PDB file of N, CA and C in Angstrom:
ATOM      1  N   MET A   1       0.849  -1.175   0.000  1.00  0.00           N
ATOM      2  CA  MET A   1       0.000   0.000   0.000  1.00  0.00           C
ATOM      3  C   MET A   1       0.891   1.234   0.000  1.00  0.00           C
ATOM      4  N   SER A   2       0.690   2.115  -0.941  1.00  0.00           N
ATOM      5  CA  SER A   2       1.535   3.295  -1.089  1.00  0.00           C
ATOM      6  C   SER A   2       0.865   4.553  -0.545  1.00  0.00           C
ATOM      7  N   TYR A   3      -0.181   4.384   0.266  1.00  0.00           N
ATOM      8  CA  TYR A   3      -0.900   5.545   0.783  1.00  0.00           C
ATOM      9  C   TYR A   3      -1.409   5.260   2.194  1.00  0.00           C
ATOM     10  N   GLU A   4      -1.731   6.344   2.882  1.00  0.00           N
ATOM     11  CA  GLU A   4      -2.397   6.270   4.170  1.00  0.00           C
ATOM     12  C   GLU A   4      -3.384   7.427   4.226  1.00  0.00           C
ATOM     13  N   LEU A   5      -4.611   7.151   4.641  1.00  0.00           N
ATOM     14  CA  LEU A   5      -5.638   8.176   4.754  1.00  0.00           C
ATOM     15  C   LEU A   5      -6.088   8.254   6.203  1.00  0.00           C
ATOM     16  N   VAL A   6      -5.837   9.398   6.833  1.00  0.00           N
ATOM     17  CA  VAL A   6      -6.187   9.612   8.243  1.00  0.00           C
ATOM     18  C   VAL A   6      -6.718  11.045   8.389  1.00  0.00           C
ATOM     19  N   TRP A   7      -7.300  11.311   9.540  1.00  0.00           N
ATOM     20  CA  TRP A   7      -7.747  12.672   9.829  1.00  0.00           C
ATOM     21  C   TRP A   7      -6.559  13.518  10.274  1.00  0.00           C
ATOM     22  N   HIS A   8      -6.392  14.668   9.656  1.00  0.00           N
ATOM     23  CA  HIS A   8      -5.451  15.687  10.141  1.00  0.00           C
ATOM     24  C   HIS A   8      -6.172  16.508  11.205  1.00  0.00           C
ATOM     25  N   THR A   9      -7.406  16.913  10.888  1.00  0.00           N
ATOM     26  CA  THR A   9      -8.298  17.608  11.810  1.00  0.00           C
ATOM     27  C   THR A   9      -9.653  16.937  11.683  1.00  0.00           C
ATOM     28  N   LYS A  10     -10.092  16.247  12.716  1.00  0.00           N
ATOM     29  CA  LYS A  10     -11.304  15.426  12.680  1.00  0.00           C
ATOM     30  C   LYS A  10     -12.492  16.199  12.107  1.00  0.00           C
ATOM     31  N   GLY A  11     -13.095  15.617  11.072  1.00  0.00           N
ATOM     32  CA  GLY A  11     -14.281  16.195  10.461  1.00  0.00           C
ATOM     33  C   GLY A  11     -14.042  17.368   9.533  1.00  0.00           C
ATOM     34  N   LYS A  12     -12.785  17.804   9.416  1.00  0.00           N
ATOM     35  CA  LYS A  12     -12.496  18.990   8.596  1.00  0.00           C
ATOM     36  C   LYS A  12     -11.424  18.757   7.538  1.00  0.00           C
ATOM     37  N   VAL A  13     -10.303  18.130   7.936  1.00  0.00           N
ATOM     38  CA  VAL A  13      -9.166  17.970   7.032  1.00  0.00           C
ATOM     39  C   VAL A  13      -8.736  16.499   7.014  1.00  0.00           C
ATOM     40  N   LEU A  14      -8.873  15.878   5.839  1.00  0.00           N
ATOM     41  CA  LEU A  14      -8.372  14.524   5.628  1.00  0.00           C
ATOM     42  C   LEU A  14      -6.942  14.611   5.111  1.00  0.00           C
ATOM     43  N   LEU A  15      -6.066  13.783   5.644  1.00  0.00           N
ATOM     44  CA  LEU A  15      -4.671  13.760   5.215  1.00  0.00           C
ATOM     45  C   LEU A  15      -4.404  12.470   4.451  1.00  0.00           C
ATOM     46  N   LEU A  16      -4.055  12.616   3.185  1.00  0.00           N
ATOM     47  CA  LEU A  16      -3.668  11.489   2.336  1.00  0.00           C
ATOM     48  C   LEU A  16      -2.159  11.565   2.144  1.00  0.00           C
ATOM     49  N   THR A  17      -1.448  10.594   2.707  1.00  0.00           N
ATOM     50  CA  THR A  17       0.005  10.546   2.572  1.00  0.00           C
ATOM     51  C   THR A  17       0.353   9.533   1.489  1.00  0.00           C
ATOM     52  N   LEU A  18       1.121   9.982   0.503  1.00  0.00           N
ATOM     53  CA  LEU A  18       1.538   9.125  -0.611  1.00  0.00           C
ATOM     54  C   LEU A  18       3.033   8.855  -0.487  1.00  0.00           C
ATOM     55  N   GLU A  19       3.415   7.595  -0.639  1.00  0.00           N
ATOM     56  CA  GLU A  19       4.829   7.222  -0.630  1.00  0.00           C
ATOM     57  C   GLU A  19       5.095   6.264  -1.770  1.00  0.00           C
ATOM     58  N   GLY A  20       6.219   6.464  -2.423  1.00  0.00           N
ATOM     59  CA  GLY A  20       6.584   5.569  -3.511  1.00  0.00           C
ATOM     60  C   GLY A  20       5.641   5.689  -4.697  1.00  0.00           C
ATOM     61  N   ALA A  21       5.426   4.565  -5.358  1.00  0.00           N
ATOM     62  CA  ALA A  21       4.575   4.540  -6.546  1.00  0.00           C
ATOM     63  C   ALA A  21       3.109   4.478  -6.135  1.00  0.00           C
ATOM     64  N   TYR A  22       2.295   5.281  -6.764  1.00  0.00           N
ATOM     65  CA  TYR A  22       0.845   5.316  -6.525  1.00  0.00           C
ATOM     66  C   TYR A  22       0.193   4.661  -7.740  1.00  0.00           C
ATOM     67  N   LEU A  23      -0.283   3.446  -7.540  1.00  0.00           N
ATOM     68  CA  LEU A  23      -0.828   2.650  -8.640  1.00  0.00           C
ATOM     69  C   LEU A  23      -2.294   2.971  -8.874  1.00  0.00           C
ATOM     70  N   LEU A  24      -2.774   2.586 -10.024  1.00  0.00           N
ATOM     71  CA  LEU A  24      -4.173   2.806 -10.369  1.00  0.00           C
ATOM     72  C   LEU A  24      -5.094   2.137  -9.346  1.00  0.00           C
ATOM     73  N   GLU A  25      -4.720   0.956  -8.878  1.00  0.00           N
ATOM     74  CA  GLU A  25      -5.515   0.254  -7.861  1.00  0.00           C
ATOM     75  C   GLU A  25      -5.591   1.068  -6.568  1.00  0.00           C
ATOM     76  N   ASP A  26      -4.487   1.720  -6.224  1.00  0.00           N
ATOM     77  CA  ASP A  26      -4.467   2.585  -5.038  1.00  0.00           C
ATOM     78  C   ASP A  26      -5.412   3.768  -5.243  1.00  0.00           C
ATOM     79  N   ALA A  27      -5.368   4.363  -6.415  1.00  0.00           N
ATOM     80  CA  ALA A  27      -6.219   5.517  -6.714  1.00  0.00           C
ATOM     81  C   ALA A  27      -7.694   5.151  -6.618  1.00  0.00           C
ATOM     82  N   ILE A  28      -8.052   3.980  -7.091  1.00  0.00           N
ATOM     83  CA  ILE A  28      -9.445   3.527  -7.027  1.00  0.00           C
ATOM     84  C   ILE A  28      -9.875   3.366  -5.568  1.00  0.00           C
ATOM     85  N   LYS A  29      -9.047   2.749  -4.756  1.00  0.00           N
ATOM     86  CA  LYS A  29      -9.368   2.545  -3.338  1.00  0.00           C
ATOM     87  C   LYS A  29      -9.434   3.871  -2.591  1.00  0.00           C
ATOM     88  N   VAL A  30      -8.483   4.753  -2.839  1.00  0.00           N
ATOM     89  CA  VAL A  30      -8.489   6.067  -2.188  1.00  0.00           C
ATOM     90  C   VAL A  30      -9.757   6.825  -2.557  1.00  0.00           C
ATOM     91  N   ASN A  31     -10.166   6.759  -3.804  1.00  0.00           N
ATOM     92  CA  ASN A  31     -11.389   7.426  -4.226  1.00  0.00           C
ATOM     93  C   ASN A  31     -12.575   6.942  -3.397  1.00  0.00           C
ATOM     94  N   GLU A  32     -12.689   5.634  -3.218  1.00  0.00           N
ATOM     95  CA  GLU A  32     -13.782   5.068  -2.420  1.00  0.00           C
ATOM     96  C   GLU A  32     -13.731   5.569  -0.980  1.00  0.00           C
ATOM     97  N   LEU A  33     -12.541   5.559  -0.390  1.00  0.00           N
ATOM     98  CA  LEU A  33     -12.382   5.978   1.001  1.00  0.00           C
ATOM     99  C   LEU A  33     -12.714   7.454   1.194  1.00  0.00           C
ATOM    100  N   VAL A  34     -12.229   8.293   0.288  1.00  0.00           N
ATOM    101  CA  VAL A  34     -12.501   9.725   0.389  1.00  0.00           C
ATOM    102  C   VAL A  34     -13.985   9.994   0.177  1.00  0.00           C
ATOM    103  N   LEU A  35     -14.597   9.348  -0.809  1.00  0.00           N
ATOM    104  CA  LEU A  35     -16.032   9.528  -1.039  1.00  0.00           C
ATOM    105  C   LEU A  35     -16.849   9.124   0.184  1.00  0.00           C
ATOM    106  N   ASP A  36     -16.452   8.047   0.853  1.00  0.00           N
ATOM    107  CA  ASP A  36     -17.146   7.625   2.077  1.00  0.00           C
ATOM    108  C   ASP A  36     -17.128   8.739   3.120  1.00  0.00           C
ATOM    109  N   GLN A  37     -15.976   9.364   3.301  1.00  0.00           N
ATOM    110  CA  GLN A  37     -15.864  10.448   4.282  1.00  0.00           C
ATOM    111  C   GLN A  37     -16.658  11.682   3.848  1.00  0.00           C
ATOM    112  N   LEU A  38     -16.626  12.006   2.572  1.00  0.00           N
ATOM    113  CA  LEU A  38     -17.369  13.160   2.071  1.00  0.00           C
ATOM    114  C   LEU A  38     -18.871  12.966   2.215  1.00  0.00           C
ATOM    115  N   GLU A  39     -19.340  11.750   2.024  1.00  0.00           N
ATOM    116  CA  GLU A  39     -20.772  11.455   2.163  1.00  0.00           C
ATOM    117  C   GLU A  39     -21.239  11.631   3.609  1.00  0.00           C
ATOM    118  N   GLN A  40     -20.343  11.437   4.554  1.00  0.00           N
ATOM    119  CA  GLN A  40     -20.688  11.573   5.969  1.00  0.00           C
ATOM    120  C   GLN A  40     -20.474  12.992   6.498  1.00  0.00           C
ATOM    121  N   ALA A  41     -19.856  13.840   5.715  1.00  0.00           N
ATOM    122  CA  ALA A  41     -19.472  15.180   6.176  1.00  0.00           C
ATOM    123  C   ALA A  41     -20.690  16.054   6.464  1.00  0.00           C
ATOM    124  N   GLN A  42     -20.567  16.831   7.533  1.00  0.00           N
ATOM    125  CA  GLN A  42     -21.599  17.800   7.907  1.00  0.00           C
ATOM    126  C   GLN A  42     -21.295  19.183   7.328  1.00  0.00           C
ATOM    127  N   THR A  43     -20.017  19.445   7.099  1.00  0.00           N
ATOM    128  CA  THR A  43     -19.573  20.715   6.524  1.00  0.00           C
ATOM    129  C   THR A  43     -18.529  20.410   5.457  1.00  0.00           C
ATOM    130  N   PRO A  44     -18.300  21.344   4.536  1.00  0.00           N
ATOM    131  CA  PRO A  44     -17.279  21.113   3.500  1.00  0.00           C
ATOM    132  C   PRO A  44     -15.916  20.789   4.108  1.00  0.00           C
ATOM    133  N   MET A  45     -15.223  19.871   3.466  1.00  0.00           N
ATOM    134  CA  MET A  45     -13.949  19.379   3.968  1.00  0.00           C
ATOM    135  C   MET A  45     -12.791  19.755   3.047  1.00  0.00           C
ATOM    136  N   ILE A  46     -11.593  19.567   3.582  1.00  0.00           N
ATOM    137  CA  ILE A  46     -10.346  19.806   2.861  1.00  0.00           C
ATOM    138  C   ILE A  46      -9.610  18.479   2.752  1.00  0.00           C
ATOM    139  N   LEU A  47      -9.052  18.199   1.583  1.00  0.00           N
ATOM    140  CA  LEU A  47      -8.174  17.051   1.410  1.00  0.00           C
ATOM    141  C   LEU A  47      -6.747  17.570   1.307  1.00  0.00           C
ATOM    142  N   LEU A  48      -5.911  17.149   2.229  1.00  0.00           N
ATOM    143  CA  LEU A  48      -4.494  17.507   2.238  1.00  0.00           C
ATOM    144  C   LEU A  48      -3.713  16.292   1.752  1.00  0.00           C
ATOM    145  N   ILE A  49      -3.004  16.454   0.650  1.00  0.00           N
ATOM    146  CA  ILE A  49      -2.214  15.362   0.074  1.00  0.00           C
ATOM    147  C   ILE A  49      -0.732  15.635   0.331  1.00  0.00           C
ATOM    148  N   ASP A  50      -0.125  14.793   1.156  1.00  0.00           N
ATOM    149  CA  ASP A  50       1.308  14.892   1.420  1.00  0.00           C
ATOM    150  C   ASP A  50       2.023  14.001   0.405  1.00  0.00           C
ATOM    151  N   ALA A  51       2.624  14.631  -0.584  1.00  0.00           N
ATOM    152  CA  ALA A  51       3.307  13.901  -1.661  1.00  0.00           C
ATOM    153  C   ALA A  51       4.823  14.110  -1.607  1.00  0.00           C
ATOM    154  N   MET A  52       5.350  14.417  -0.438  1.00  0.00           N
ATOM    155  CA  MET A  52       6.786  14.679  -0.304  1.00  0.00           C
ATOM    156  C   MET A  52       7.632  13.442  -0.595  1.00  0.00           C
ATOM    157  N   LYS A  53       7.095  12.241  -0.349  1.00  0.00           N
ATOM    158  CA  LYS A  53       7.847  11.004  -0.593  1.00  0.00           C
ATOM    159  C   LYS A  53       7.234  10.193  -1.731  1.00  0.00           C
ATOM    160  N   HIS A  54       6.490  10.876  -2.563  1.00  0.00           N
ATOM    161  CA  HIS A  54       5.760  10.238  -3.664  1.00  0.00           C
ATOM    162  C   HIS A  54       6.606  10.237  -4.936  1.00  0.00           C
ATOM    163  N   ASN A  55       6.589   9.110  -5.649  1.00  0.00           N
ATOM    164  CA  ASN A  55       7.240   9.057  -6.959  1.00  0.00           C
ATOM    165  C   ASN A  55       6.273   9.609  -7.996  1.00  0.00           C
ATOM    166  N   PRO A  56       6.761  10.393  -8.948  1.00  0.00           N
ATOM    167  CA  PRO A  56       5.857  10.957  -9.954  1.00  0.00           C
ATOM    168  C   PRO A  56       5.107   9.855 -10.716  1.00  0.00           C
ATOM    169  N   PRO A  57       3.776  10.000 -10.828  1.00  0.00           N
ATOM    170  CA  PRO A  57       3.012   9.006 -11.586  1.00  0.00           C
ATOM    171  C   PRO A  57       3.209   9.210 -13.087  1.00  0.00           C
ATOM    172  N   HIS A  58       3.094   8.129 -13.824  1.00  0.00           N
ATOM    173  CA  HIS A  58       3.232   8.214 -15.278  1.00  0.00           C
ATOM    174  C   HIS A  58       1.883   8.131 -15.971  1.00  0.00           C
ATOM    175  N   ASN A  59       0.875   7.703 -15.243  1.00  0.00           N
ATOM    176  CA  ASN A  59      -0.448   7.495 -15.820  1.00  0.00           C
ATOM    177  C   ASN A  59      -1.440   8.547 -15.326  1.00  0.00           C
ATOM    178  N   PHE A  60      -1.127   9.831 -15.527  1.00  0.00           N
ATOM    179  CA  PHE A  60      -1.947  10.943 -15.047  1.00  0.00           C
ATOM    180  C   PHE A  60      -3.407  10.788 -15.456  1.00  0.00           C
ATOM    181  N   ALA A  61      -3.649  10.523 -16.730  1.00  0.00           N
ATOM    182  CA  ALA A  61      -5.022  10.464 -17.243  1.00  0.00           C
ATOM    183  C   ALA A  61      -5.816   9.339 -16.595  1.00  0.00           C
ATOM    184  N   ASP A  62      -5.188   8.193 -16.415  1.00  0.00           N
ATOM    185  CA  ASP A  62      -5.884   7.069 -15.786  1.00  0.00           C
ATOM    186  C   ASP A  62      -6.223   7.375 -14.331  1.00  0.00           C
ATOM    187  N   ILE A  63      -5.280   7.937 -13.602  1.00  0.00           N
ATOM    188  CA  ILE A  63      -5.519   8.294 -12.206  1.00  0.00           C
ATOM    189  C   ILE A  63      -6.587   9.375 -12.126  1.00  0.00           C
ATOM    190  N   ARG A  64      -6.488  10.374 -12.988  1.00  0.00           N
ATOM    191  CA  ARG A  64      -7.471  11.464 -13.006  1.00  0.00           C
ATOM    192  C   ARG A  64      -8.885  10.926 -13.173  1.00  0.00           C
ATOM    193  N   ALA A  65      -9.069   9.965 -14.036  1.00  0.00           N
ATOM    194  CA  ALA A  65     -10.399   9.412 -14.300  1.00  0.00           C
ATOM    195  C   ALA A  65     -10.988   8.702 -13.077  1.00  0.00           C
ATOM    196  N   THR A  66     -10.145   8.215 -12.179  1.00  0.00           N
ATOM    197  CA  THR A  66     -10.645   7.487 -11.004  1.00  0.00           C
ATOM    198  C   THR A  66     -10.986   8.405  -9.838  1.00  0.00           C
ATOM    199  N   GLN A  67     -10.481   9.623  -9.829  1.00  0.00           N
ATOM    200  CA  GLN A  67     -10.624  10.504  -8.673  1.00  0.00           C
ATOM    201  C   GLN A  67     -11.919  11.321  -8.729  1.00  0.00           C
ATOM    202  N   THR A  68     -13.045  10.636  -8.689  1.00  0.00           N
ATOM    203  CA  THR A  68     -14.342  11.310  -8.796  1.00  0.00           C
ATOM    204  C   THR A  68     -14.675  12.130  -7.557  1.00  0.00           C
ATOM    205  N   PHE A  69     -13.995  11.872  -6.451  1.00  0.00           N
ATOM    206  CA  PHE A  69     -14.238  12.655  -5.235  1.00  0.00           C
ATOM    207  C   PHE A  69     -13.995  14.136  -5.458  1.00  0.00           C
ATOM    208  N   GLN A  70     -13.144  14.487  -6.436  1.00  0.00           N
ATOM    209  CA  GLN A  70     -12.778  15.881  -6.639  1.00  0.00           C
ATOM    210  C   GLN A  70     -13.956  16.765  -7.035  1.00  0.00           C
ATOM    211  N   ASP A  71     -15.073  16.170  -7.464  1.00  0.00           N
ATOM    212  CA  ASP A  71     -16.250  16.949  -7.830  1.00  0.00           C
ATOM    213  C   ASP A  71     -17.362  16.867  -6.792  1.00  0.00           C
ATOM    214  N   HIS A  72     -17.071  16.273  -5.660  1.00  0.00           N
ATOM    215  CA  HIS A  72     -18.080  16.160  -4.602  1.00  0.00           C
ATOM    216  C   HIS A  72     -18.350  17.536  -3.998  1.00  0.00           C
ATOM    217  N   HIS A  73     -19.625  17.832  -3.751  1.00  0.00           N
ATOM    218  CA  HIS A  73     -19.997  19.156  -3.244  1.00  0.00           C
ATOM    219  C   HIS A  73     -19.487  19.441  -1.829  1.00  0.00           C
ATOM    220  N   MET A  74     -19.070  18.409  -1.097  1.00  0.00           N
ATOM    221  CA  MET A  74     -18.561  18.624   0.262  1.00  0.00           C
ATOM    222  C   MET A  74     -17.036  18.740   0.321  1.00  0.00           C
ATOM    223  N   LEU A  75     -16.387  18.757  -0.824  1.00  0.00           N
ATOM    224  CA  LEU A  75     -14.935  18.966  -0.870  1.00  0.00           C
ATOM    225  C   LEU A  75     -14.682  20.403  -1.305  1.00  0.00           C
ATOM    226  N   SER A  76     -14.135  21.196  -0.388  1.00  0.00           N
ATOM    227  CA  SER A  76     -13.928  22.614  -0.698  1.00  0.00           C
ATOM    228  C   SER A  76     -12.545  22.910  -1.266  1.00  0.00           C
ATOM    229  N   ASN A  77     -11.534  22.218  -0.753  1.00  0.00           N
ATOM    230  CA  ASN A  77     -10.157  22.501  -1.150  1.00  0.00           C
ATOM    231  C   ASN A  77      -9.338  21.219  -1.196  1.00  0.00           C
ATOM    232  N   ILE A  78      -8.372  21.219  -2.105  1.00  0.00           N
ATOM    233  CA  ILE A  78      -7.362  20.168  -2.166  1.00  0.00           C
ATOM    234  C   ILE A  78      -6.015  20.867  -2.019  1.00  0.00           C
ATOM    235  N   LEU A  79      -5.309  20.546  -0.943  1.00  0.00           N
ATOM    236  CA  LEU A  79      -3.967  21.087  -0.725  1.00  0.00           C
ATOM    237  C   LEU A  79      -2.969  19.984  -1.014  1.00  0.00           C
ATOM    238  N   VAL A  80      -1.960  20.300  -1.801  1.00  0.00           N
ATOM    239  CA  VAL A  80      -0.926  19.321  -2.128  1.00  0.00           C
ATOM    240  C   VAL A  80       0.403  19.825  -1.581  1.00  0.00           C
ATOM    241  N   LEU A  81       1.040  18.979  -0.799  1.00  0.00           N
ATOM    242  CA  LEU A  81       2.348  19.284  -0.234  1.00  0.00           C
ATOM    243  C   LEU A  81       3.407  18.525  -1.014  1.00  0.00           C
ATOM    244  N   THR A  82       4.224  19.254  -1.767  1.00  0.00           N
ATOM    245  CA  THR A  82       5.339  18.667  -2.504  1.00  0.00           C
ATOM    246  C   THR A  82       6.285  19.769  -2.934  1.00  0.00           C
ATOM    247  N   ASP A  83       7.554  19.426  -3.039  1.00  0.00           N
ATOM    248  CA  ASP A  83       8.530  20.376  -3.566  1.00  0.00           C
ATOM    249  C   ASP A  83       9.074  19.902  -4.920  1.00  0.00           C
ATOM    250  N   ASP A  84       8.457  18.870  -5.463  1.00  0.00           N
ATOM    251  CA  ASP A  84       8.882  18.295  -6.745  1.00  0.00           C
ATOM    252  C   ASP A  84       8.049  18.889  -7.886  1.00  0.00           C
ATOM    253  N   ARG A  85       8.709  19.464  -8.873  1.00  0.00           N
ATOM    254  CA  ARG A  85       7.995  20.109  -9.983  1.00  0.00           C
ATOM    255  C   ARG A  85       7.187  19.133 -10.821  1.00  0.00           C
ATOM    256  N   ILE A  86       7.666  17.926 -11.006  1.00  0.00           N
ATOM    257  CA  ILE A  86       6.928  16.932 -11.797  1.00  0.00           C
ATOM    258  C   ILE A  86       5.651  16.508 -11.073  1.00  0.00           C
ATOM    259  N   ILE A  87       5.747  16.333  -9.763  1.00  0.00           N
ATOM    260  CA  ILE A  87       4.556  15.966  -9.002  1.00  0.00           C
ATOM    261  C   ILE A  87       3.560  17.133  -8.988  1.00  0.00           C
ATOM    262  N   LYS A  88       4.043  18.353  -8.889  1.00  0.00           N
ATOM    263  CA  LYS A  88       3.145  19.515  -8.970  1.00  0.00           C
ATOM    264  C   LYS A  88       2.392  19.502 -10.297  1.00  0.00           C
ATOM    265  N   LEU A  89       3.127  19.266 -11.379  1.00  0.00           N
ATOM    266  CA  LEU A  89       2.497  19.200 -12.697  1.00  0.00           C
ATOM    267  C   LEU A  89       1.463  18.083 -12.745  1.00  0.00           C
ATOM    268  N   ALA A  90       1.815  16.916 -12.221  1.00  0.00           N
ATOM    269  CA  ALA A  90       0.880  15.789 -12.212  1.00  0.00           C
ATOM    270  C   ALA A  90      -0.387  16.142 -11.449  1.00  0.00           C
ATOM    271  N   MET A  91      -0.244  16.772 -10.291  1.00  0.00           N
ATOM    272  CA  MET A  91      -1.406  17.134  -9.480  1.00  0.00           C
ATOM    273  C   MET A  91      -2.270  18.181 -10.187  1.00  0.00           C
ATOM    274  N   MET A  92      -1.617  19.106 -10.886  1.00  0.00           N
ATOM    275  CA  MET A  92      -2.392  20.096 -11.642  1.00  0.00           C
ATOM    276  C   MET A  92      -3.170  19.430 -12.771  1.00  0.00           C
ATOM    277  N   ILE A  93      -2.570  18.467 -13.428  1.00  0.00           N
ATOM    278  CA  ILE A  93      -3.269  17.744 -14.493  1.00  0.00           C
ATOM    279  C   ILE A  93      -4.415  16.921 -13.920  1.00  0.00           C
ATOM    280  N   ILE A  94      -4.174  16.234 -12.821  1.00  0.00           N
ATOM    281  CA  ILE A  94      -5.195  15.371 -12.225  1.00  0.00           C
ATOM    282  C   ILE A  94      -6.373  16.183 -11.698  1.00  0.00           C
ATOM    283  N   PHE A  95      -6.104  17.327 -11.068  1.00  0.00           N
ATOM    284  CA  PHE A  95      -7.164  18.073 -10.390  1.00  0.00           C
ATOM    285  C   PHE A  95      -7.548  19.385 -11.065  1.00  0.00           C
ATOM    286  N   ASN A  96      -7.101  19.647 -12.285  1.00  0.00           N
ATOM    287  CA  ASN A  96      -7.358  20.950 -12.899  1.00  0.00           C
ATOM    288  C   ASN A  96      -8.832  21.218 -13.193  1.00  0.00           C
ATOM    289  N   LEU A  97      -9.651  20.201 -13.338  1.00  0.00           N
ATOM    290  CA  LEU A  97     -11.076  20.418 -13.590  1.00  0.00           C
ATOM    291  C   LEU A  97     -11.924  20.210 -12.334  1.00  0.00           C
ATOM    292  N   SER A  98     -11.280  20.075 -11.205  1.00  0.00           N
ATOM    293  CA  SER A  98     -11.982  19.846  -9.943  1.00  0.00           C
ATOM    294  C   SER A  98     -12.831  21.045  -9.561  1.00  0.00           C
ATOM    295  N   LYS A  99     -13.970  20.766  -8.917  1.00  0.00           N
ATOM    296  CA  LYS A  99     -14.787  21.843  -8.368  1.00  0.00           C
ATOM    297  C   LYS A  99     -14.132  22.436  -7.125  1.00  0.00           C
ATOM    298  N   ALA A 100     -13.298  21.655  -6.463  1.00  0.00           N
ATOM    299  CA  ALA A 100     -12.573  22.129  -5.276  1.00  0.00           C
ATOM    300  C   ALA A 100     -11.380  22.980  -5.701  1.00  0.00           C
ATOM    301  N   ASN A 101     -11.013  23.928  -4.851  1.00  0.00           N
ATOM    302  CA  ASN A 101      -9.823  24.742  -5.101  1.00  0.00           C
ATOM    303  C   ASN A 101      -8.579  23.881  -4.923  1.00  0.00           C
ATOM    304  N   LEU A 102      -7.625  24.020  -5.819  1.00  0.00           N
ATOM    305  CA  LEU A 102      -6.348  23.319  -5.718  1.00  0.00           C
ATOM    306  C   LEU A 102      -5.281  24.306  -5.286  1.00  0.00           C
ATOM    307  N   LEU A 103      -4.598  23.973  -4.182  1.00  0.00           N
ATOM    308  CA  LEU A 103      -3.534  24.810  -3.656  1.00  0.00           C
ATOM    309  C   LEU A 103      -2.276  23.968  -3.508  1.00  0.00           C
ATOM    310  N   LEU A 104      -1.156  24.471  -3.990  1.00  0.00           N
ATOM    311  CA  LEU A 104       0.122  23.757  -3.917  1.00  0.00           C
ATOM    312  C   LEU A 104       1.000  24.398  -2.851  1.00  0.00           C
ATOM    313  N   CYS A 105       1.579  23.577  -2.005  1.00  0.00           N
ATOM    314  CA  CYS A 105       2.456  24.050  -0.926  1.00  0.00           C
ATOM    315  C   CYS A 105       3.770  23.286  -0.994  1.00  0.00           C
ATOM    316  N   GLU A 106       4.857  23.973  -0.638  1.00  0.00           N
ATOM    317  CA  GLU A 106       6.175  23.347  -0.703  1.00  0.00           C
ATOM    318  C   GLU A 106       6.705  22.892   0.649  1.00  0.00           C
ATOM    319  N   ASN A 107       6.053  23.293   1.743  1.00  0.00           N
ATOM    320  CA  ASN A 107       6.503  22.876   3.073  1.00  0.00           C
ATOM    321  C   ASN A 107       5.326  22.942   4.047  1.00  0.00           C
ATOM    322  N   TRP A 108       5.537  22.379   5.227  1.00  0.00           N
ATOM    323  CA  TRP A 108       4.455  22.312   6.220  1.00  0.00           C
ATOM    324  C   TRP A 108       4.065  23.686   6.733  1.00  0.00           C
ATOM    325  N   ASP A 109       4.978  24.647   6.761  1.00  0.00           N
ATOM    326  CA  ASP A 109       4.626  26.005   7.180  1.00  0.00           C
ATOM    327  C   ASP A 109       3.597  26.606   6.228  1.00  0.00           C
ATOM    328  N   GLN A 110       3.802  26.398   4.931  1.00  0.00           N
ATOM    329  CA  GLN A 110       2.830  26.894   3.949  1.00  0.00           C
ATOM    330  C   GLN A 110       1.480  26.197   4.114  1.00  0.00           C
ATOM    331  N   VAL A 111       1.497  24.895   4.380  1.00  0.00           N
ATOM    332  CA  VAL A 111       0.254  24.148   4.600  1.00  0.00           C
ATOM    333  C   VAL A 111      -0.505  24.745   5.778  1.00  0.00           C
ATOM    334  N   GLN A 112       0.190  24.932   6.900  1.00  0.00           N
ATOM    335  CA  GLN A 112      -0.474  25.469   8.092  1.00  0.00           C
ATOM    336  C   GLN A 112      -1.022  26.869   7.837  1.00  0.00           C
ATOM    337  N   ALA A 113      -0.273  27.691   7.118  1.00  0.00           N
ATOM    338  CA  ALA A 113      -0.743  29.044   6.793  1.00  0.00           C
ATOM    339  C   ALA A 113      -2.000  28.980   5.922  1.00  0.00           C
ATOM    340  N   ARG A 114      -1.993  28.126   4.917  1.00  0.00           N
ATOM    341  CA  ARG A 114      -3.176  27.976   4.050  1.00  0.00           C
ATOM    342  C   ARG A 114      -4.375  27.467   4.828  1.00  0.00           C
ATOM    343  N   LEU A 115      -4.145  26.490   5.704  1.00  0.00           N
ATOM    344  CA  LEU A 115      -5.249  25.955   6.506  1.00  0.00           C
ATOM    345  C   LEU A 115      -5.835  27.028   7.417  1.00  0.00           C
ATOM    346  N   ARG A 116      -5.005  27.880   7.994  1.00  0.00           N
ATOM    347  CA  ARG A 116      -5.506  28.974   8.831  1.00  0.00           C
ATOM    348  C   ARG A 116      -6.361  29.929   8.014  1.00  0.00           C
ATOM    349  N   ILE A 117      -5.895  30.277   6.814  1.00  0.00           N
ATOM    350  CA  ILE A 117      -6.632  31.203   5.956  1.00  0.00           C
ATOM    351  C   ILE A 117      -7.963  30.590   5.530  1.00  0.00           C
ATOM    352  N   ILE A 118      -7.946  29.340   5.132  1.00  0.00           N
ATOM    353  CA  ILE A 118      -9.172  28.662   4.685  1.00  0.00           C
ATOM    354  C   ILE A 118     -10.162  28.526   5.841  1.00  0.00           C
ATOM    355  N   SER A 119      -9.661  28.173   7.020  1.00  0.00           N
ATOM    356  CA  SER A 119     -10.526  27.938   8.170  1.00  0.00           C
ATOM    357  C   SER A 119     -11.090  29.215   8.764  1.00  0.00           C
ATOM    358  N   HIS A 120     -10.328  30.294   8.662  1.00  0.00           N
ATOM    359  CA  HIS A 120     -10.739  31.569   9.265  1.00  0.00           C
ATOM    360  C   HIS A 120     -10.506  32.706   8.259  1.00  0.00           C
ATOM    361  N   PRO A 121     -11.281  32.759   7.176  1.00  0.00           N
ATOM    362  CA  PRO A 121     -10.995  33.704   6.088  1.00  0.00           C
ATOM    363  C   PRO A 121     -11.125  35.174   6.469  1.00  0.00           C
ATOM    364  N   ARG A 122     -11.858  35.506   7.518  1.00  0.00           N
ATOM    365  CA  ARG A 122     -12.090  36.933   7.820  1.00  0.00           C
ATOM    366  C   ARG A 122     -11.366  37.411   9.054  1.00  0.00           C
ATOM    367  N   GLU A 123     -10.475  36.610   9.591  1.00  0.00           N
ATOM    368  CA  GLU A 123      -9.748  37.034  10.791  1.00  0.00           C
ATOM    369  C   GLU A 123      -8.451  37.711  10.420  1.00  0.00           C
TER     370      GLU A 123
END
């Protein structure tokens, strides 16, 4: 298994950690797991993808087709943590038509800053 899906902030932010190769089978399973959480959500949620140890995928189009969660009405934002330009490009290709906002971060400080802004936009 090249992924782990856990709560970063219960009921608000799901953390998907990717390591190594992310196979099409993994993408299908992750889609199911994320959709399950979105269906149970009481308020719009954020998906945080930690791709710092992720190998760049070669099958962008195939993975993109499996990630139907990206159009769920309870997904407000997708944050991607990576400092790799190829992975950034892959994530932009996979999520460019998503209804959720896509935000790219290069370190955990940027992630925390984005989460603060998203969670408290008027403070």
